[in-house]
Amino acid sequence: MEKLALEGARLLFSHDGAGWIVAVLMGLACLQLHRETMRTQDARLGDTGATATALERASQTNVAVAAALESRTRVLEDLSRLVSEMARSIEHGDERSRDKLDAILRRLGEGRPFSAP
């Protein structure tokens, strides 16, 4: 270790102090590299924050879509239950149920939103 230190000191003082100029230039280069590295890291942190925000918004959207799908599934289950009850009533000869089922089937065929008569 001492040999390395002595050799480094000898090189700094050799050639009329040219080693000091090289050492100062190397120090300035290291300082510049450090500054650029810090800027790059700050930019990456900013990008990471933006990505995290986008992922959070996407997650919230996915939750909303899942809730909407669940709600529609419940509605479809209720409609299926209602139609099966009406079909049983029709099998027993209830004319009013037959008319309601025909109206529902017509509206479903039209593709417009359903509203109760």
N, C-alpha and C. Protein backbone atom coordinates (compact mmCIF):
# COMPACT_ATOMS: atom_id res chain seq x y z
N MET A 1 0.82 -1.18 0.00
CA MET A 1 0.00 0.00 0.00
C MET A 1 0.87 1.26 0.00
N GLU A 2 1.92 1.21 0.79
CA GLU A 2 2.84 2.36 0.84
C GLU A 2 3.52 2.56 -0.49
N LYS A 3 3.84 1.45 -1.15
CA LYS A 3 4.49 1.54 -2.46
C LYS A 3 3.58 2.24 -3.46
N LEU A 4 2.30 1.91 -3.41
CA LEU A 4 1.36 2.54 -4.33
C LEU A 4 1.25 4.03 -4.06
N ALA A 5 1.20 4.40 -2.78
CA ALA A 5 1.09 5.81 -2.42
C ALA A 5 2.33 6.56 -2.88
N LEU A 6 3.50 5.99 -2.66
CA LEU A 6 4.74 6.65 -3.07
C LEU A 6 4.83 6.77 -4.59
N GLU A 7 4.41 5.74 -5.28
CA GLU A 7 4.44 5.77 -6.75
C GLU A 7 3.47 6.83 -7.27
N GLY A 8 2.28 6.93 -6.64
CA GLY A 8 1.31 7.95 -7.04
C GLY A 8 1.86 9.34 -6.79
N ALA A 9 2.52 9.56 -5.65
CA ALA A 9 3.11 10.88 -5.35
C ALA A 9 4.23 11.21 -6.33
N ARG A 10 5.02 10.20 -6.65
CA ARG A 10 6.12 10.42 -7.59
C ARG A 10 5.58 10.82 -8.97
N LEU A 11 4.50 10.17 -9.41
CA LEU A 11 3.92 10.49 -10.71
C LEU A 11 3.30 11.89 -10.73
N LEU A 12 2.75 12.31 -9.59
CA LEU A 12 2.16 13.65 -9.53
C LEU A 12 3.22 14.74 -9.68
N PHE A 13 4.38 14.49 -9.10
CA PHE A 13 5.43 15.52 -9.14
C PHE A 13 6.35 15.39 -10.35
N SER A 14 6.24 14.31 -11.10
CA SER A 14 7.13 14.14 -12.25
C SER A 14 6.67 15.02 -13.40
N HIS A 15 7.52 15.24 -14.33
CA HIS A 15 7.27 16.01 -15.55
C HIS A 15 6.77 17.42 -15.24
N ASP A 16 7.38 18.07 -14.35
CA ASP A 16 7.10 19.47 -14.02
C ASP A 16 5.65 19.70 -13.58
N GLY A 17 5.13 18.79 -12.80
CA GLY A 17 3.79 18.96 -12.23
C GLY A 17 2.64 18.63 -13.17
N ALA A 18 2.92 17.95 -14.27
CA ALA A 18 1.86 17.58 -15.21
C ALA A 18 0.89 16.59 -14.56
N GLY A 19 1.36 15.85 -13.58
CA GLY A 19 0.49 14.90 -12.89
C GLY A 19 -0.64 15.60 -12.15
N TRP A 20 -0.35 16.80 -11.60
CA TRP A 20 -1.40 17.54 -10.88
C TRP A 20 -2.52 17.96 -11.84
N ILE A 21 -2.11 18.36 -13.02
CA ILE A 21 -3.11 18.77 -14.02
C ILE A 21 -4.00 17.59 -14.38
N VAL A 22 -3.37 16.43 -14.57
CA VAL A 22 -4.15 15.22 -14.89
C VAL A 22 -5.08 14.88 -13.72
N ALA A 23 -4.58 14.98 -12.48
CA ALA A 23 -5.40 14.66 -11.31
C ALA A 23 -6.60 15.61 -11.21
N VAL A 24 -6.37 16.90 -11.44
CA VAL A 24 -7.46 17.87 -11.38
C VAL A 24 -8.47 17.59 -12.48
N LEU A 25 -8.00 17.31 -13.68
CA LEU A 25 -8.91 17.01 -14.79
C LEU A 25 -9.72 15.73 -14.51
N MET A 26 -9.07 14.74 -13.93
CA MET A 26 -9.77 13.49 -13.58
C MET A 26 -10.83 13.77 -12.51
N GLY A 27 -10.48 14.61 -11.54
CA GLY A 27 -11.45 14.97 -10.49
C GLY A 27 -12.65 15.69 -11.07
N LEU A 28 -12.41 16.63 -12.00
CA LEU A 28 -13.51 17.34 -12.65
C LEU A 28 -14.38 16.39 -13.49
N ALA A 29 -13.73 15.44 -14.15
CA ALA A 29 -14.47 14.45 -14.94
C ALA A 29 -15.34 13.59 -14.03
N CYS A 30 -14.78 13.19 -12.88
CA CYS A 30 -15.56 12.39 -11.93
C CYS A 30 -16.74 13.19 -11.38
N LEU A 31 -16.51 14.46 -11.09
CA LEU A 31 -17.58 15.32 -10.60
C LEU A 31 -18.69 15.46 -11.64
N GLN A 32 -18.32 15.65 -12.90
CA GLN A 32 -19.31 15.75 -13.97
C GLN A 32 -20.08 14.45 -14.13
N LEU A 33 -19.39 13.32 -14.08
CA LEU A 33 -20.07 12.02 -14.18
C LEU A 33 -21.04 11.81 -13.02
N HIS A 34 -20.63 12.25 -11.84
CA HIS A 34 -21.51 12.12 -10.68
C HIS A 34 -22.78 12.95 -10.86
N ARG A 35 -22.64 14.18 -11.36
CA ARG A 35 -23.81 15.03 -11.60
C ARG A 35 -24.75 14.41 -12.64
N GLU A 36 -24.18 13.90 -13.71
CA GLU A 36 -25.01 13.28 -14.75
C GLU A 36 -25.72 12.04 -14.22
N THR A 37 -25.02 11.27 -13.39
CA THR A 37 -25.63 10.08 -12.80
C THR A 37 -26.81 10.47 -11.91
N MET A 38 -26.65 11.54 -11.14
CA MET A 38 -27.73 12.00 -10.27
C MET A 38 -28.93 12.47 -11.09
N ARG A 39 -28.69 13.18 -12.19
CA ARG A 39 -29.78 13.62 -13.06
C ARG A 39 -30.52 12.43 -13.66
N THR A 40 -29.75 11.45 -14.07
CA THR A 40 -30.36 10.24 -14.65
C THR A 40 -31.22 9.52 -13.62
N GLN A 41 -30.71 9.41 -12.41
CA GLN A 41 -31.48 8.74 -11.36
C GLN A 41 -32.76 9.51 -11.04
N ASP A 42 -32.68 10.84 -11.00
CA ASP A 42 -33.88 11.65 -10.77
C ASP A 42 -34.91 11.44 -11.88
N ALA A 43 -34.44 11.37 -13.12
CA ALA A 43 -35.35 11.14 -14.24
C ALA A 43 -36.01 9.77 -14.13
N ARG A 44 -35.23 8.77 -13.74
CA ARG A 44 -35.79 7.42 -13.59
C ARG A 44 -36.82 7.39 -12.46
N LEU A 45 -36.56 8.10 -11.38
CA LEU A 45 -37.53 8.16 -10.29
C LEU A 45 -38.82 8.83 -10.75
N GLY A 46 -38.69 9.87 -11.55
CA GLY A 46 -39.88 10.52 -12.10
C GLY A 46 -40.68 9.59 -12.99
N ASP A 47 -39.98 8.84 -13.84
CA ASP A 47 -40.66 7.87 -14.71
C ASP A 47 -41.34 6.79 -13.88
N THR A 48 -40.67 6.34 -12.83
CA THR A 48 -41.25 5.31 -11.97
C THR A 48 -42.50 5.83 -11.29
N GLY A 49 -42.48 7.08 -10.85
CA GLY A 49 -43.67 7.68 -10.24
C GLY A 49 -44.82 7.77 -11.21
N ALA A 50 -44.53 8.17 -12.44
CA ALA A 50 -45.58 8.26 -13.47
C ALA A 50 -46.16 6.88 -13.78
N THR A 51 -45.29 5.88 -13.84
CA THR A 51 -45.75 4.52 -14.10
C THR A 51 -46.63 4.02 -12.95
N ALA A 52 -46.22 4.31 -11.73
CA ALA A 52 -47.02 3.89 -10.56
C ALA A 52 -48.39 4.55 -10.58
N THR A 53 -48.45 5.82 -10.94
CA THR A 53 -49.73 6.52 -11.02
C THR A 53 -50.61 5.90 -12.10
N ALA A 54 -50.03 5.60 -13.24
CA ALA A 54 -50.80 4.98 -14.32
C ALA A 54 -51.32 3.61 -13.92
N LEU A 55 -50.49 2.83 -13.23
CA LEU A 55 -50.93 1.51 -12.77
C LEU A 55 -52.04 1.62 -11.74
N GLU A 56 -51.96 2.62 -10.87
CA GLU A 56 -53.01 2.81 -9.87
C GLU A 56 -54.33 3.17 -10.54
N ARG A 57 -54.28 4.06 -11.53
CA ARG A 57 -55.50 4.43 -12.25
C ARG A 57 -56.08 3.23 -13.00
N ALA A 58 -55.21 2.44 -13.61
CA ALA A 58 -55.68 1.25 -14.32
C ALA A 58 -56.32 0.26 -13.35
N SER A 59 -55.74 0.14 -12.18
CA SER A 59 -56.30 -0.75 -11.16
C SER A 59 -57.68 -0.28 -10.73
N GLN A 60 -57.84 1.03 -10.53
CA GLN A 60 -59.15 1.56 -10.16
C GLN A 60 -60.17 1.33 -11.27
N THR A 61 -59.74 1.47 -12.50
CA THR A 61 -60.64 1.22 -13.63
C THR A 61 -61.04 -0.24 -13.67
N ASN A 62 -60.09 -1.14 -13.42
CA ASN A 62 -60.39 -2.57 -13.42
C ASN A 62 -61.39 -2.91 -12.32
N VAL A 63 -61.26 -2.27 -11.16
CA VAL A 63 -62.20 -2.51 -10.07
C VAL A 63 -63.60 -2.06 -10.47
N ALA A 64 -63.68 -0.89 -11.11
CA ALA A 64 -64.98 -0.38 -11.55
C ALA A 64 -65.61 -1.30 -12.60
N VAL A 65 -64.81 -1.78 -13.52
CA VAL A 65 -65.32 -2.69 -14.56
C VAL A 65 -65.79 -4.00 -13.92
N ALA A 66 -65.03 -4.51 -12.97
CA ALA A 66 -65.44 -5.75 -12.29
C ALA A 66 -66.75 -5.56 -11.54
N ALA A 67 -66.93 -4.42 -10.89
CA ALA A 67 -68.18 -4.15 -10.18
C ALA A 67 -69.35 -4.06 -11.16
N ALA A 68 -69.12 -3.40 -12.30
CA ALA A 68 -70.18 -3.30 -13.31
C ALA A 68 -70.54 -4.67 -13.87
N LEU A 69 -69.54 -5.49 -14.12
CA LEU A 69 -69.81 -6.84 -14.63
C LEU A 69 -70.57 -7.68 -13.60
N GLU A 70 -70.21 -7.53 -12.34
CA GLU A 70 -70.91 -8.27 -11.29
C GLU A 70 -72.36 -7.82 -11.20
N SER A 71 -72.59 -6.52 -11.30
CA SER A 71 -73.95 -5.99 -11.27
C SER A 71 -74.77 -6.53 -12.44
N ARG A 72 -74.18 -6.52 -13.62
CA ARG A 72 -74.90 -7.04 -14.79
C ARG A 72 -75.15 -8.54 -14.68
N THR A 73 -74.22 -9.25 -14.08
CA THR A 73 -74.42 -10.67 -13.87
C THR A 73 -75.61 -10.91 -12.96
N ARG A 74 -75.71 -10.11 -11.88
CA ARG A 74 -76.86 -10.24 -10.98
C ARG A 74 -78.17 -9.93 -11.70
N VAL A 75 -78.15 -8.91 -12.54
CA VAL A 75 -79.35 -8.56 -13.30
C VAL A 75 -79.74 -9.70 -14.23
N LEU A 76 -78.76 -10.27 -14.90
CA LEU A 76 -79.04 -11.39 -15.81
C LEU A 76 -79.57 -12.60 -15.05
N GLU A 77 -79.05 -12.84 -13.85
CA GLU A 77 -79.56 -13.94 -13.03
C GLU A 77 -81.01 -13.68 -12.64
N ASP A 78 -81.32 -12.43 -12.27
CA ASP A 78 -82.70 -12.09 -11.92
C ASP A 78 -83.63 -12.24 -13.11
N LEU A 79 -83.18 -11.79 -14.27
CA LEU A 79 -83.99 -11.94 -15.48
C LEU A 79 -84.21 -13.41 -15.81
N SER A 80 -83.17 -14.19 -15.67
CA SER A 80 -83.29 -15.62 -15.95
C SER A 80 -84.30 -16.27 -14.99
N ARG A 81 -84.23 -15.89 -13.73
CA ARG A 81 -85.16 -16.42 -12.74
C ARG A 81 -86.60 -16.00 -13.09
N LEU A 82 -86.79 -14.73 -13.46
CA LEU A 82 -88.11 -14.23 -13.82
C LEU A 82 -88.66 -14.96 -15.04
N VAL A 83 -87.83 -15.14 -16.05
CA VAL A 83 -88.27 -15.82 -17.27
C VAL A 83 -88.63 -17.26 -16.98
N SER A 84 -87.86 -17.93 -16.13
CA SER A 84 -88.18 -19.32 -15.82
C SER A 84 -89.49 -19.42 -15.04
N GLU A 85 -89.74 -18.46 -14.13
CA GLU A 85 -91.02 -18.45 -13.41
C GLU A 85 -92.17 -18.21 -14.38
N MET A 86 -91.96 -17.29 -15.31
CA MET A 86 -93.00 -17.01 -16.29
C MET A 86 -93.23 -18.22 -17.19
N ALA A 87 -92.17 -18.90 -17.54
CA ALA A 87 -92.32 -20.08 -18.40
C ALA A 87 -93.12 -21.16 -17.67
N ARG A 88 -92.88 -21.32 -16.37
CA ARG A 88 -93.67 -22.28 -15.59
C ARG A 88 -95.14 -21.88 -15.54
N SER A 89 -95.38 -20.55 -15.40
CA SER A 89 -96.76 -20.08 -15.38
C SER A 89 -97.44 -20.34 -16.71
N ILE A 90 -96.69 -20.16 -17.79
CA ILE A 90 -97.26 -20.38 -19.13
C ILE A 90 -97.59 -21.86 -19.31
N GLU A 91 -96.74 -22.72 -18.78
CA GLU A 91 -97.02 -24.15 -18.88
C GLU A 91 -98.34 -24.49 -18.18
N HIS A 92 -98.69 -23.70 -17.19
CA HIS A 92 -99.94 -23.94 -16.46
C HIS A 92 -101.11 -23.21 -17.10
N GLY A 93 -100.87 -22.50 -18.19
CA GLY A 93 -101.95 -21.89 -18.96
C GLY A 93 -102.28 -20.46 -18.58
N ASP A 94 -101.40 -19.72 -17.95
CA ASP A 94 -101.68 -18.34 -17.57
C ASP A 94 -101.46 -17.44 -18.78
N GLU A 95 -102.55 -16.90 -19.33
CA GLU A 95 -102.47 -16.09 -20.55
C GLU A 95 -101.73 -14.77 -20.32
N ARG A 96 -101.89 -14.15 -19.17
CA ARG A 96 -101.24 -12.88 -18.87
C ARG A 96 -99.71 -13.05 -18.83
N SER A 97 -99.22 -14.14 -18.28
CA SER A 97 -97.79 -14.43 -18.24
C SER A 97 -97.25 -14.63 -19.66
N ARG A 98 -98.08 -15.27 -20.50
CA ARG A 98 -97.66 -15.50 -21.89
C ARG A 98 -97.48 -14.15 -22.60
N ASP A 99 -98.37 -13.21 -22.36
CA ASP A 99 -98.25 -11.88 -22.97
C ASP A 99 -97.01 -11.16 -22.46
N LYS A 100 -96.72 -11.24 -21.17
CA LYS A 100 -95.54 -10.58 -20.61
C LYS A 100 -94.26 -11.17 -21.21
N LEU A 101 -94.21 -12.50 -21.32
CA LEU A 101 -93.03 -13.15 -21.89
C LEU A 101 -92.85 -12.75 -23.35
N ASP A 102 -93.92 -12.70 -24.10
CA ASP A 102 -93.81 -12.27 -25.50
C ASP A 102 -93.30 -10.84 -25.59
N ALA A 103 -93.77 -9.95 -24.68
CA ALA A 103 -93.31 -8.56 -24.69
C ALA A 103 -91.82 -8.49 -24.36
N ILE A 104 -91.39 -9.27 -23.39
CA ILE A 104 -89.96 -9.28 -23.02
C ILE A 104 -89.12 -9.79 -24.19
N LEU A 105 -89.56 -10.87 -24.80
CA LEU A 105 -88.80 -11.44 -25.92
C LEU A 105 -88.75 -10.47 -27.10
N ARG A 106 -89.85 -9.74 -27.36
CA ARG A 106 -89.84 -8.74 -28.43
C ARG A 106 -88.83 -7.64 -28.14
N ARG A 107 -88.83 -7.14 -26.90
CA ARG A 107 -87.92 -6.05 -26.54
C ARG A 107 -86.47 -6.52 -26.55
N LEU A 108 -86.23 -7.74 -26.12
CA LEU A 108 -84.86 -8.26 -26.19
C LEU A 108 -84.41 -8.38 -27.64
N GLY A 109 -85.33 -8.75 -28.51
CA GLY A 109 -85.01 -8.86 -29.93
C GLY A 109 -84.74 -7.52 -30.57
N GLU A 110 -85.39 -6.46 -30.06
CA GLU A 110 -85.17 -5.13 -30.61
C GLU A 110 -83.82 -4.57 -30.22
N GLY A 111 -83.27 -5.01 -29.10
CA GLY A 111 -81.95 -4.55 -28.67
C GLY A 111 -81.98 -3.21 -27.97
N ARG A 112 -83.16 -2.73 -27.58
CA ARG A 112 -83.27 -1.48 -26.84
C ARG A 112 -83.38 -1.76 -25.36
N PRO A 113 -83.08 -0.75 -24.54
CA PRO A 113 -83.20 -0.93 -23.09
C PRO A 113 -84.63 -1.31 -22.69
N PHE A 114 -84.75 -2.15 -21.70
CA PHE A 114 -86.02 -2.67 -21.23
C PHE A 114 -86.58 -1.77 -20.14
N SER A 115 -87.86 -1.40 -20.27
CA SER A 115 -88.55 -0.68 -19.19
C SER A 115 -89.87 -1.40 -18.94
N ALA A 116 -90.23 -1.51 -17.69
CA ALA A 116 -91.43 -2.26 -17.31
C ALA A 116 -92.69 -1.54 -17.80
N PRO A 117 -93.71 -2.26 -18.33
CA PRO A 117 -94.94 -1.62 -18.82
C PRO A 117 -95.80 -1.14 -17.68
